[in-house]
């Protein structure tokens, strides 16, 4: 009554494919190095060389090669850069915790603290008027 199916179904699992698969750990490494590289660009733009060097070492460890360092400057205000860096460090912290990378997690947490402190610091000096 019905003709049998002679072609392969399009609904077969992709596990039988002939291309290489990445493990979950490899995917997390790629994701973490991407977040840290973006954080490095913002950190370099803010002129934070010491923290930038620490981030660059982590990116090099994850990628197996040193990262490109940010050479240009944007016209973004420092507060916006600190907010962006804080968000990127938060993303890196989540991924580092997921892959149990203690060194990257500590670095990301320290970066979050540093950028949060920079955002909460007063931008204009306080001048007391009328005090001797």
N, C-alpha and C. Protein backbone atom coordinates (compact mmCIF):
# COMPACT_ATOMS: atom_id res chain seq x y z
N UNK A 1 0.82 -1.18 0.00
CA UNK A 1 0.00 0.00 0.00
C UNK A 1 0.87 1.26 0.00
N UNK A 2 1.88 1.30 0.93
CA UNK A 2 2.79 2.44 0.96
C UNK A 2 4.15 1.99 0.48
N UNK A 3 4.84 2.90 -0.18
CA UNK A 3 6.20 2.58 -0.64
C UNK A 3 7.16 2.80 0.52
N UNK A 4 8.10 1.90 0.73
CA UNK A 4 9.05 2.08 1.85
C UNK A 4 9.98 3.27 1.60
N UNK A 5 10.45 3.86 2.69
CA UNK A 5 11.36 5.00 2.60
C UNK A 5 12.73 4.50 2.18
N UNK A 6 13.27 5.08 1.12
CA UNK A 6 14.56 4.63 0.59
C UNK A 6 15.68 5.61 0.85
N UNK A 7 15.36 6.81 1.23
CA UNK A 7 16.40 7.82 1.49
C UNK A 7 16.56 8.00 2.98
N UNK A 8 17.70 8.55 3.35
CA UNK A 8 17.98 8.82 4.75
C UNK A 8 17.09 9.95 5.25
N UNK A 9 16.62 9.83 6.44
CA UNK A 9 15.77 10.85 7.01
C UNK A 9 16.59 12.09 7.37
N UNK A 10 15.97 13.24 7.23
CA UNK A 10 16.63 14.47 7.62
C UNK A 10 16.60 14.65 9.14
N UNK A 11 15.89 13.77 9.79
CA UNK A 11 15.75 13.88 11.24
C UNK A 11 16.69 12.97 12.02
N UNK A 12 17.69 12.43 11.35
CA UNK A 12 18.66 11.61 12.06
C UNK A 12 19.54 12.50 12.92
N UNK A 13 20.11 11.93 13.95
CA UNK A 13 20.93 12.72 14.86
C UNK A 13 22.22 13.16 14.19
N UNK A 14 22.75 14.26 14.64
CA UNK A 14 23.98 14.81 14.07
C UNK A 14 25.21 14.08 14.58
N UNK A 15 25.03 13.13 15.49
CA UNK A 15 26.18 12.41 16.04
C UNK A 15 26.89 11.57 14.99
N UNK A 16 26.21 11.25 13.92
CA UNK A 16 26.81 10.43 12.88
C UNK A 16 27.55 11.26 11.83
N UNK A 17 27.61 12.56 12.01
CA UNK A 17 28.23 13.44 11.01
C UNK A 17 29.75 13.22 10.97
N UNK A 18 30.33 13.62 9.86
CA UNK A 18 31.76 13.41 9.65
C UNK A 18 32.60 14.64 9.96
N UNK A 19 32.13 15.57 10.74
CA UNK A 19 32.91 16.75 11.09
C UNK A 19 33.31 16.69 12.56
N UNK A 20 34.39 17.37 12.91
CA UNK A 20 34.84 17.28 14.31
C UNK A 20 33.90 18.02 15.26
N UNK A 21 33.75 17.46 16.43
CA UNK A 21 32.92 18.07 17.46
C UNK A 21 33.83 18.62 18.56
N UNK A 22 33.39 19.72 19.17
CA UNK A 22 34.12 20.26 20.30
C UNK A 22 33.41 19.82 21.57
N UNK A 23 34.21 19.61 22.59
CA UNK A 23 33.64 19.23 23.88
C UNK A 23 33.09 20.46 24.57
N UNK A 24 32.33 20.24 25.62
CA UNK A 24 31.79 21.35 26.41
C UNK A 24 32.91 22.20 26.98
N UNK A 25 33.99 21.55 27.42
CA UNK A 25 35.13 22.27 27.98
C UNK A 25 35.78 23.16 26.93
N UNK A 26 35.89 22.65 25.70
CA UNK A 26 36.47 23.47 24.62
C UNK A 26 35.59 24.68 24.33
N UNK A 27 34.28 24.47 24.32
CA UNK A 27 33.36 25.58 24.07
C UNK A 27 33.46 26.63 25.18
N UNK A 28 33.57 26.17 26.43
CA UNK A 28 33.69 27.11 27.54
C UNK A 28 35.03 27.85 27.48
N UNK A 29 36.09 27.17 27.07
CA UNK A 29 37.39 27.84 26.90
C UNK A 29 37.30 28.94 25.87
N UNK A 30 36.65 28.66 24.76
CA UNK A 30 36.50 29.65 23.69
C UNK A 30 35.68 30.84 24.19
N UNK A 31 34.59 30.54 24.88
CA UNK A 31 33.73 31.60 25.41
C UNK A 31 34.47 32.45 26.45
N UNK A 32 35.18 31.80 27.36
CA UNK A 32 35.91 32.53 28.39
C UNK A 32 37.01 33.39 27.79
N UNK A 33 37.75 32.85 26.85
CA UNK A 33 38.82 33.64 26.24
C UNK A 33 38.25 34.82 25.48
N UNK A 34 37.08 34.67 24.89
CA UNK A 34 36.43 35.78 24.20
C UNK A 34 36.02 36.89 25.15
N UNK A 35 35.42 36.52 26.27
CA UNK A 35 35.03 37.53 27.27
C UNK A 35 36.26 38.23 27.84
N UNK A 36 37.30 37.45 28.13
CA UNK A 36 38.52 38.05 28.68
C UNK A 36 39.21 38.94 27.65
N UNK A 37 39.18 38.56 26.38
CA UNK A 37 39.80 39.40 25.34
C UNK A 37 39.04 40.72 25.20
N UNK A 38 37.72 40.68 25.28
CA UNK A 38 36.94 41.91 25.24
C UNK A 38 37.22 42.78 26.47
N UNK A 39 37.34 42.13 27.62
CA UNK A 39 37.69 42.85 28.85
C UNK A 39 39.08 43.47 28.73
N UNK A 40 39.99 42.76 28.10
CA UNK A 40 41.35 43.27 27.89
C UNK A 40 41.33 44.54 27.04
N UNK A 41 40.50 44.55 25.99
CA UNK A 41 40.42 45.74 25.13
C UNK A 41 39.95 46.95 25.91
N UNK A 42 38.92 46.78 26.73
CA UNK A 42 38.40 47.90 27.52
C UNK A 42 39.41 48.30 28.60
N UNK A 43 40.06 47.32 29.20
CA UNK A 43 41.06 47.61 30.24
C UNK A 43 42.23 48.39 29.66
N UNK A 44 42.68 48.00 28.48
CA UNK A 44 43.77 48.73 27.82
C UNK A 44 43.33 50.15 27.48
N UNK A 45 42.08 50.30 27.06
CA UNK A 45 41.58 51.63 26.72
C UNK A 45 41.52 52.53 27.95
N UNK A 46 41.26 51.94 29.09
CA UNK A 46 41.24 52.72 30.33
C UNK A 46 42.65 53.01 30.84
N UNK A 47 43.65 52.38 30.25
CA UNK A 47 45.04 52.61 30.65
C UNK A 47 45.44 51.85 31.90
N UNK A 48 44.79 50.76 32.19
CA UNK A 48 45.11 49.95 33.38
C UNK A 48 46.07 48.84 32.96
N UNK A 49 47.35 49.18 32.87
CA UNK A 49 48.35 48.27 32.31
C UNK A 49 48.55 47.02 33.15
N UNK A 50 48.62 47.15 34.46
CA UNK A 50 48.88 45.99 35.32
C UNK A 50 47.76 44.96 35.20
N UNK A 51 46.52 45.43 35.28
CA UNK A 51 45.41 44.50 35.15
C UNK A 51 45.35 43.95 33.73
N UNK A 52 45.66 44.77 32.75
CA UNK A 52 45.68 44.31 31.36
C UNK A 52 46.68 43.20 31.14
N UNK A 53 47.84 43.31 31.77
CA UNK A 53 48.85 42.26 31.64
C UNK A 53 48.38 40.95 32.25
N UNK A 54 47.69 41.03 33.38
CA UNK A 54 47.17 39.81 34.02
C UNK A 54 46.09 39.15 33.16
N UNK A 55 45.22 39.98 32.58
CA UNK A 55 44.18 39.44 31.71
C UNK A 55 44.80 38.82 30.46
N UNK A 56 45.81 39.48 29.90
CA UNK A 56 46.48 38.97 28.70
C UNK A 56 47.12 37.61 28.96
N UNK A 57 47.67 37.42 30.15
CA UNK A 57 48.26 36.11 30.49
C UNK A 57 47.19 35.01 30.51
N UNK A 58 46.01 35.34 31.04
CA UNK A 58 44.93 34.34 31.08
C UNK A 58 44.42 34.02 29.67
N UNK A 59 44.31 35.05 28.84
CA UNK A 59 43.86 34.82 27.46
C UNK A 59 44.89 33.96 26.72
N UNK A 60 46.16 34.24 26.92
CA UNK A 60 47.22 33.47 26.27
C UNK A 60 47.18 32.02 26.75
N UNK A 61 46.91 31.81 28.02
CA UNK A 61 46.82 30.45 28.56
C UNK A 61 45.67 29.68 27.91
N UNK A 62 44.53 30.35 27.74
CA UNK A 62 43.36 29.69 27.18
C UNK A 62 43.49 29.45 25.68
N UNK A 63 44.06 30.42 24.98
CA UNK A 63 44.15 30.32 23.52
C UNK A 63 45.43 29.66 23.04
N UNK A 64 46.45 29.65 23.88
CA UNK A 64 47.72 29.09 23.45
C UNK A 64 48.57 30.07 22.68
N UNK A 65 48.17 31.31 22.61
CA UNK A 65 48.91 32.36 21.90
C UNK A 65 48.59 33.70 22.57
N UNK A 66 49.54 34.62 22.56
CA UNK A 66 49.27 35.92 23.19
C UNK A 66 48.19 36.69 22.42
N UNK A 67 47.35 37.43 23.14
CA UNK A 67 46.28 38.17 22.47
C UNK A 67 46.80 39.46 21.85
N UNK A 68 46.04 39.97 20.91
CA UNK A 68 46.32 41.30 20.35
C UNK A 68 45.91 42.33 21.39
N UNK A 69 46.74 43.30 21.60
CA UNK A 69 46.44 44.35 22.58
C UNK A 69 45.78 45.52 21.89
N UNK A 70 44.91 46.20 22.58
CA UNK A 70 44.15 47.33 22.06
C UNK A 70 45.06 48.54 21.91
N UNK A 71 45.12 49.08 20.71
CA UNK A 71 46.01 50.21 20.46
C UNK A 71 45.27 51.54 20.37
N UNK A 72 44.04 51.53 19.93
CA UNK A 72 43.31 52.77 19.71
C UNK A 72 42.51 53.20 20.92
N UNK A 73 42.12 54.43 20.90
CA UNK A 73 41.29 54.99 21.96
C UNK A 73 39.98 55.46 21.36
N UNK A 74 38.91 55.28 22.10
CA UNK A 74 37.62 55.78 21.64
C UNK A 74 37.32 57.07 22.39
N UNK A 75 36.24 57.67 22.04
CA UNK A 75 35.83 58.90 22.72
C UNK A 75 34.85 58.62 23.85
N UNK A 76 34.74 57.36 24.24
CA UNK A 76 33.80 56.98 25.30
C UNK A 76 34.27 57.54 26.64
N UNK A 77 33.34 58.02 27.43
CA UNK A 77 33.72 58.52 28.76
C UNK A 77 34.18 57.35 29.65
N UNK A 78 35.07 57.64 30.59
CA UNK A 78 35.58 56.57 31.46
C UNK A 78 34.49 55.81 32.20
N UNK A 79 33.44 56.50 32.62
CA UNK A 79 32.36 55.81 33.35
C UNK A 79 31.70 54.75 32.48
N UNK A 80 31.50 55.05 31.21
CA UNK A 80 30.90 54.07 30.30
C UNK A 80 31.84 52.89 30.10
N UNK A 81 33.13 53.16 30.00
CA UNK A 81 34.11 52.09 29.85
C UNK A 81 34.16 51.20 31.09
N UNK A 82 34.07 51.82 32.27
CA UNK A 82 34.07 51.03 33.51
C UNK A 82 32.82 50.17 33.61
N UNK A 83 31.66 50.71 33.18
CA UNK A 83 30.43 49.91 33.19
C UNK A 83 30.56 48.72 32.24
N UNK A 84 31.10 48.98 31.06
CA UNK A 84 31.29 47.89 30.07
C UNK A 84 32.26 46.85 30.63
N UNK A 85 33.36 47.29 31.21
CA UNK A 85 34.34 46.37 31.77
C UNK A 85 33.74 45.55 32.91
N UNK A 86 32.93 46.19 33.72
CA UNK A 86 32.28 45.48 34.83
C UNK A 86 31.37 44.38 34.30
N UNK A 87 30.60 44.69 33.26
CA UNK A 87 29.70 43.70 32.66
C UNK A 87 30.49 42.55 32.04
N UNK A 88 31.57 42.87 31.33
CA UNK A 88 32.39 41.83 30.70
C UNK A 88 33.05 40.95 31.76
N UNK A 89 33.53 41.55 32.83
CA UNK A 89 34.14 40.77 33.90
C UNK A 89 33.11 39.86 34.55
N UNK A 90 31.87 40.32 34.66
CA UNK A 90 30.81 39.48 35.20
C UNK A 90 30.53 38.28 34.32
N UNK A 91 30.51 38.49 33.02
CA UNK A 91 30.31 37.37 32.09
C UNK A 91 31.46 36.38 32.18
N UNK A 92 32.68 36.92 32.24
CA UNK A 92 33.86 36.05 32.36
C UNK A 92 33.80 35.26 33.67
N UNK A 93 33.35 35.88 34.74
CA UNK A 93 33.25 35.20 36.03
C UNK A 93 32.26 34.04 35.96
N UNK A 94 31.13 34.24 35.31
CA UNK A 94 30.13 33.17 35.20
C UNK A 94 30.71 31.98 34.43
N UNK A 95 31.38 32.25 33.32
CA UNK A 95 31.94 31.16 32.51
C UNK A 95 33.10 30.48 33.25
N UNK A 96 33.94 31.28 33.90
CA UNK A 96 35.07 30.71 34.65
C UNK A 96 34.56 29.81 35.78
N UNK A 97 33.51 30.23 36.45
CA UNK A 97 32.93 29.39 37.50
C UNK A 97 32.34 28.12 36.92
N UNK A 98 31.74 28.24 35.75
CA UNK A 98 31.14 27.07 35.11
C UNK A 98 32.17 26.03 34.73
N UNK A 99 33.35 26.49 34.32
CA UNK A 99 34.39 25.53 33.93
C UNK A 99 35.38 25.28 35.06
N UNK A 100 35.10 25.80 36.24
CA UNK A 100 35.92 25.60 37.44
C UNK A 100 37.36 26.06 37.23
N UNK A 101 37.51 27.23 36.59
CA UNK A 101 38.83 27.84 36.37
C UNK A 101 39.04 28.88 37.48
N UNK A 102 39.70 28.47 38.53
CA UNK A 102 39.86 29.33 39.70
C UNK A 102 40.64 30.59 39.39
N UNK A 103 41.73 30.48 38.64
CA UNK A 103 42.56 31.65 38.34
C UNK A 103 41.78 32.69 37.56
N UNK A 104 41.04 32.27 36.55
CA UNK A 104 40.25 33.22 35.75
C UNK A 104 39.10 33.79 36.57
N UNK A 105 38.50 32.98 37.43
CA UNK A 105 37.39 33.45 38.26
C UNK A 105 37.87 34.52 39.24
N UNK A 106 39.01 34.30 39.86
CA UNK A 106 39.56 35.29 40.79
C UNK A 106 39.89 36.58 40.06
N UNK A 107 40.51 36.47 38.89
CA UNK A 107 40.86 37.66 38.11
C UNK A 107 39.60 38.42 37.71
N UNK A 108 38.57 37.71 37.26
CA UNK A 108 37.33 38.37 36.86
C UNK A 108 36.66 39.05 38.05
N UNK A 109 36.66 38.40 39.20
CA UNK A 109 36.06 38.99 40.40
C UNK A 109 36.83 40.24 40.82
N UNK A 110 38.15 40.19 40.75
CA UNK A 110 38.95 41.37 41.09
C UNK A 110 38.69 42.51 40.10
N UNK A 111 38.53 42.17 38.83
CA UNK A 111 38.23 43.20 37.83
C UNK A 111 36.86 43.82 38.10
N UNK A 112 35.88 42.98 38.45
CA UNK A 112 34.56 43.52 38.78
C UNK A 112 34.63 44.48 39.96
N UNK A 113 35.38 44.08 41.00
CA UNK A 113 35.52 44.94 42.18
C UNK A 113 36.19 46.26 41.82
N UNK A 114 37.26 46.19 41.01
CA UNK A 114 38.00 47.40 40.64
C UNK A 114 37.12 48.36 39.83
N UNK A 115 36.35 47.81 38.89
CA UNK A 115 35.51 48.69 38.06
C UNK A 115 34.30 49.20 38.84
N UNK A 116 33.78 48.41 39.76
CA UNK A 116 32.69 48.88 40.61
C UNK A 116 33.18 50.01 41.52
N UNK A 117 34.40 49.87 42.05
CA UNK A 117 34.97 50.92 42.89
C UNK A 117 35.20 52.19 42.08
N UNK A 118 35.66 52.03 40.85
CA UNK A 118 35.89 53.20 40.01
C UNK A 118 34.58 53.91 39.68
N UNK A 119 33.51 53.15 39.54
CA UNK A 119 32.20 53.76 39.25
C UNK A 119 31.61 54.45 40.47
N UNK A 120 31.91 53.95 41.67
CA UNK A 120 31.33 54.55 42.86
C UNK A 120 32.17 55.68 43.43
N UNK A 121 33.38 55.85 42.92
CA UNK A 121 34.25 56.93 43.40
C UNK A 121 33.71 58.27 42.92
N UNK A 122 33.80 59.28 43.77
CA UNK A 122 33.33 60.61 43.34
C UNK A 122 34.20 61.12 42.20
N UNK A 123 33.55 61.74 41.23
CA UNK A 123 34.28 62.24 40.06
C UNK A 123 34.76 63.66 40.22
N UNK A 124 34.11 64.43 41.09
CA UNK A 124 34.54 65.81 41.31
C UNK A 124 35.03 65.94 42.74
N UNK A 125 36.11 66.66 42.94
CA UNK A 125 36.60 66.83 44.31
C UNK A 125 35.62 67.63 45.16
N UNK A 126 35.52 67.24 46.40
CA UNK A 126 34.65 67.94 47.33
C UNK A 126 35.40 69.11 47.93
N UNK A 127 34.83 70.30 47.80
CA UNK A 127 35.45 71.51 48.32
C UNK A 127 34.59 72.02 49.47
N UNK A 128 35.19 72.10 50.61
CA UNK A 128 34.48 72.61 51.78
C UNK A 128 34.63 74.13 51.80
N UNK A 129 33.54 74.81 51.76
CA UNK A 129 33.55 76.27 51.74
C UNK A 129 33.34 76.79 53.15
N UNK A 130 34.14 77.76 53.52
CA UNK A 130 34.00 78.41 54.82
C UNK A 130 34.72 77.74 55.96
N UNK A 131 35.54 76.75 55.69
CA UNK A 131 36.31 76.11 56.76
C UNK A 131 37.73 76.64 56.72
N UNK A 132 38.30 76.86 57.90
CA UNK A 132 39.67 77.40 57.93
C UNK A 132 40.71 76.41 57.53
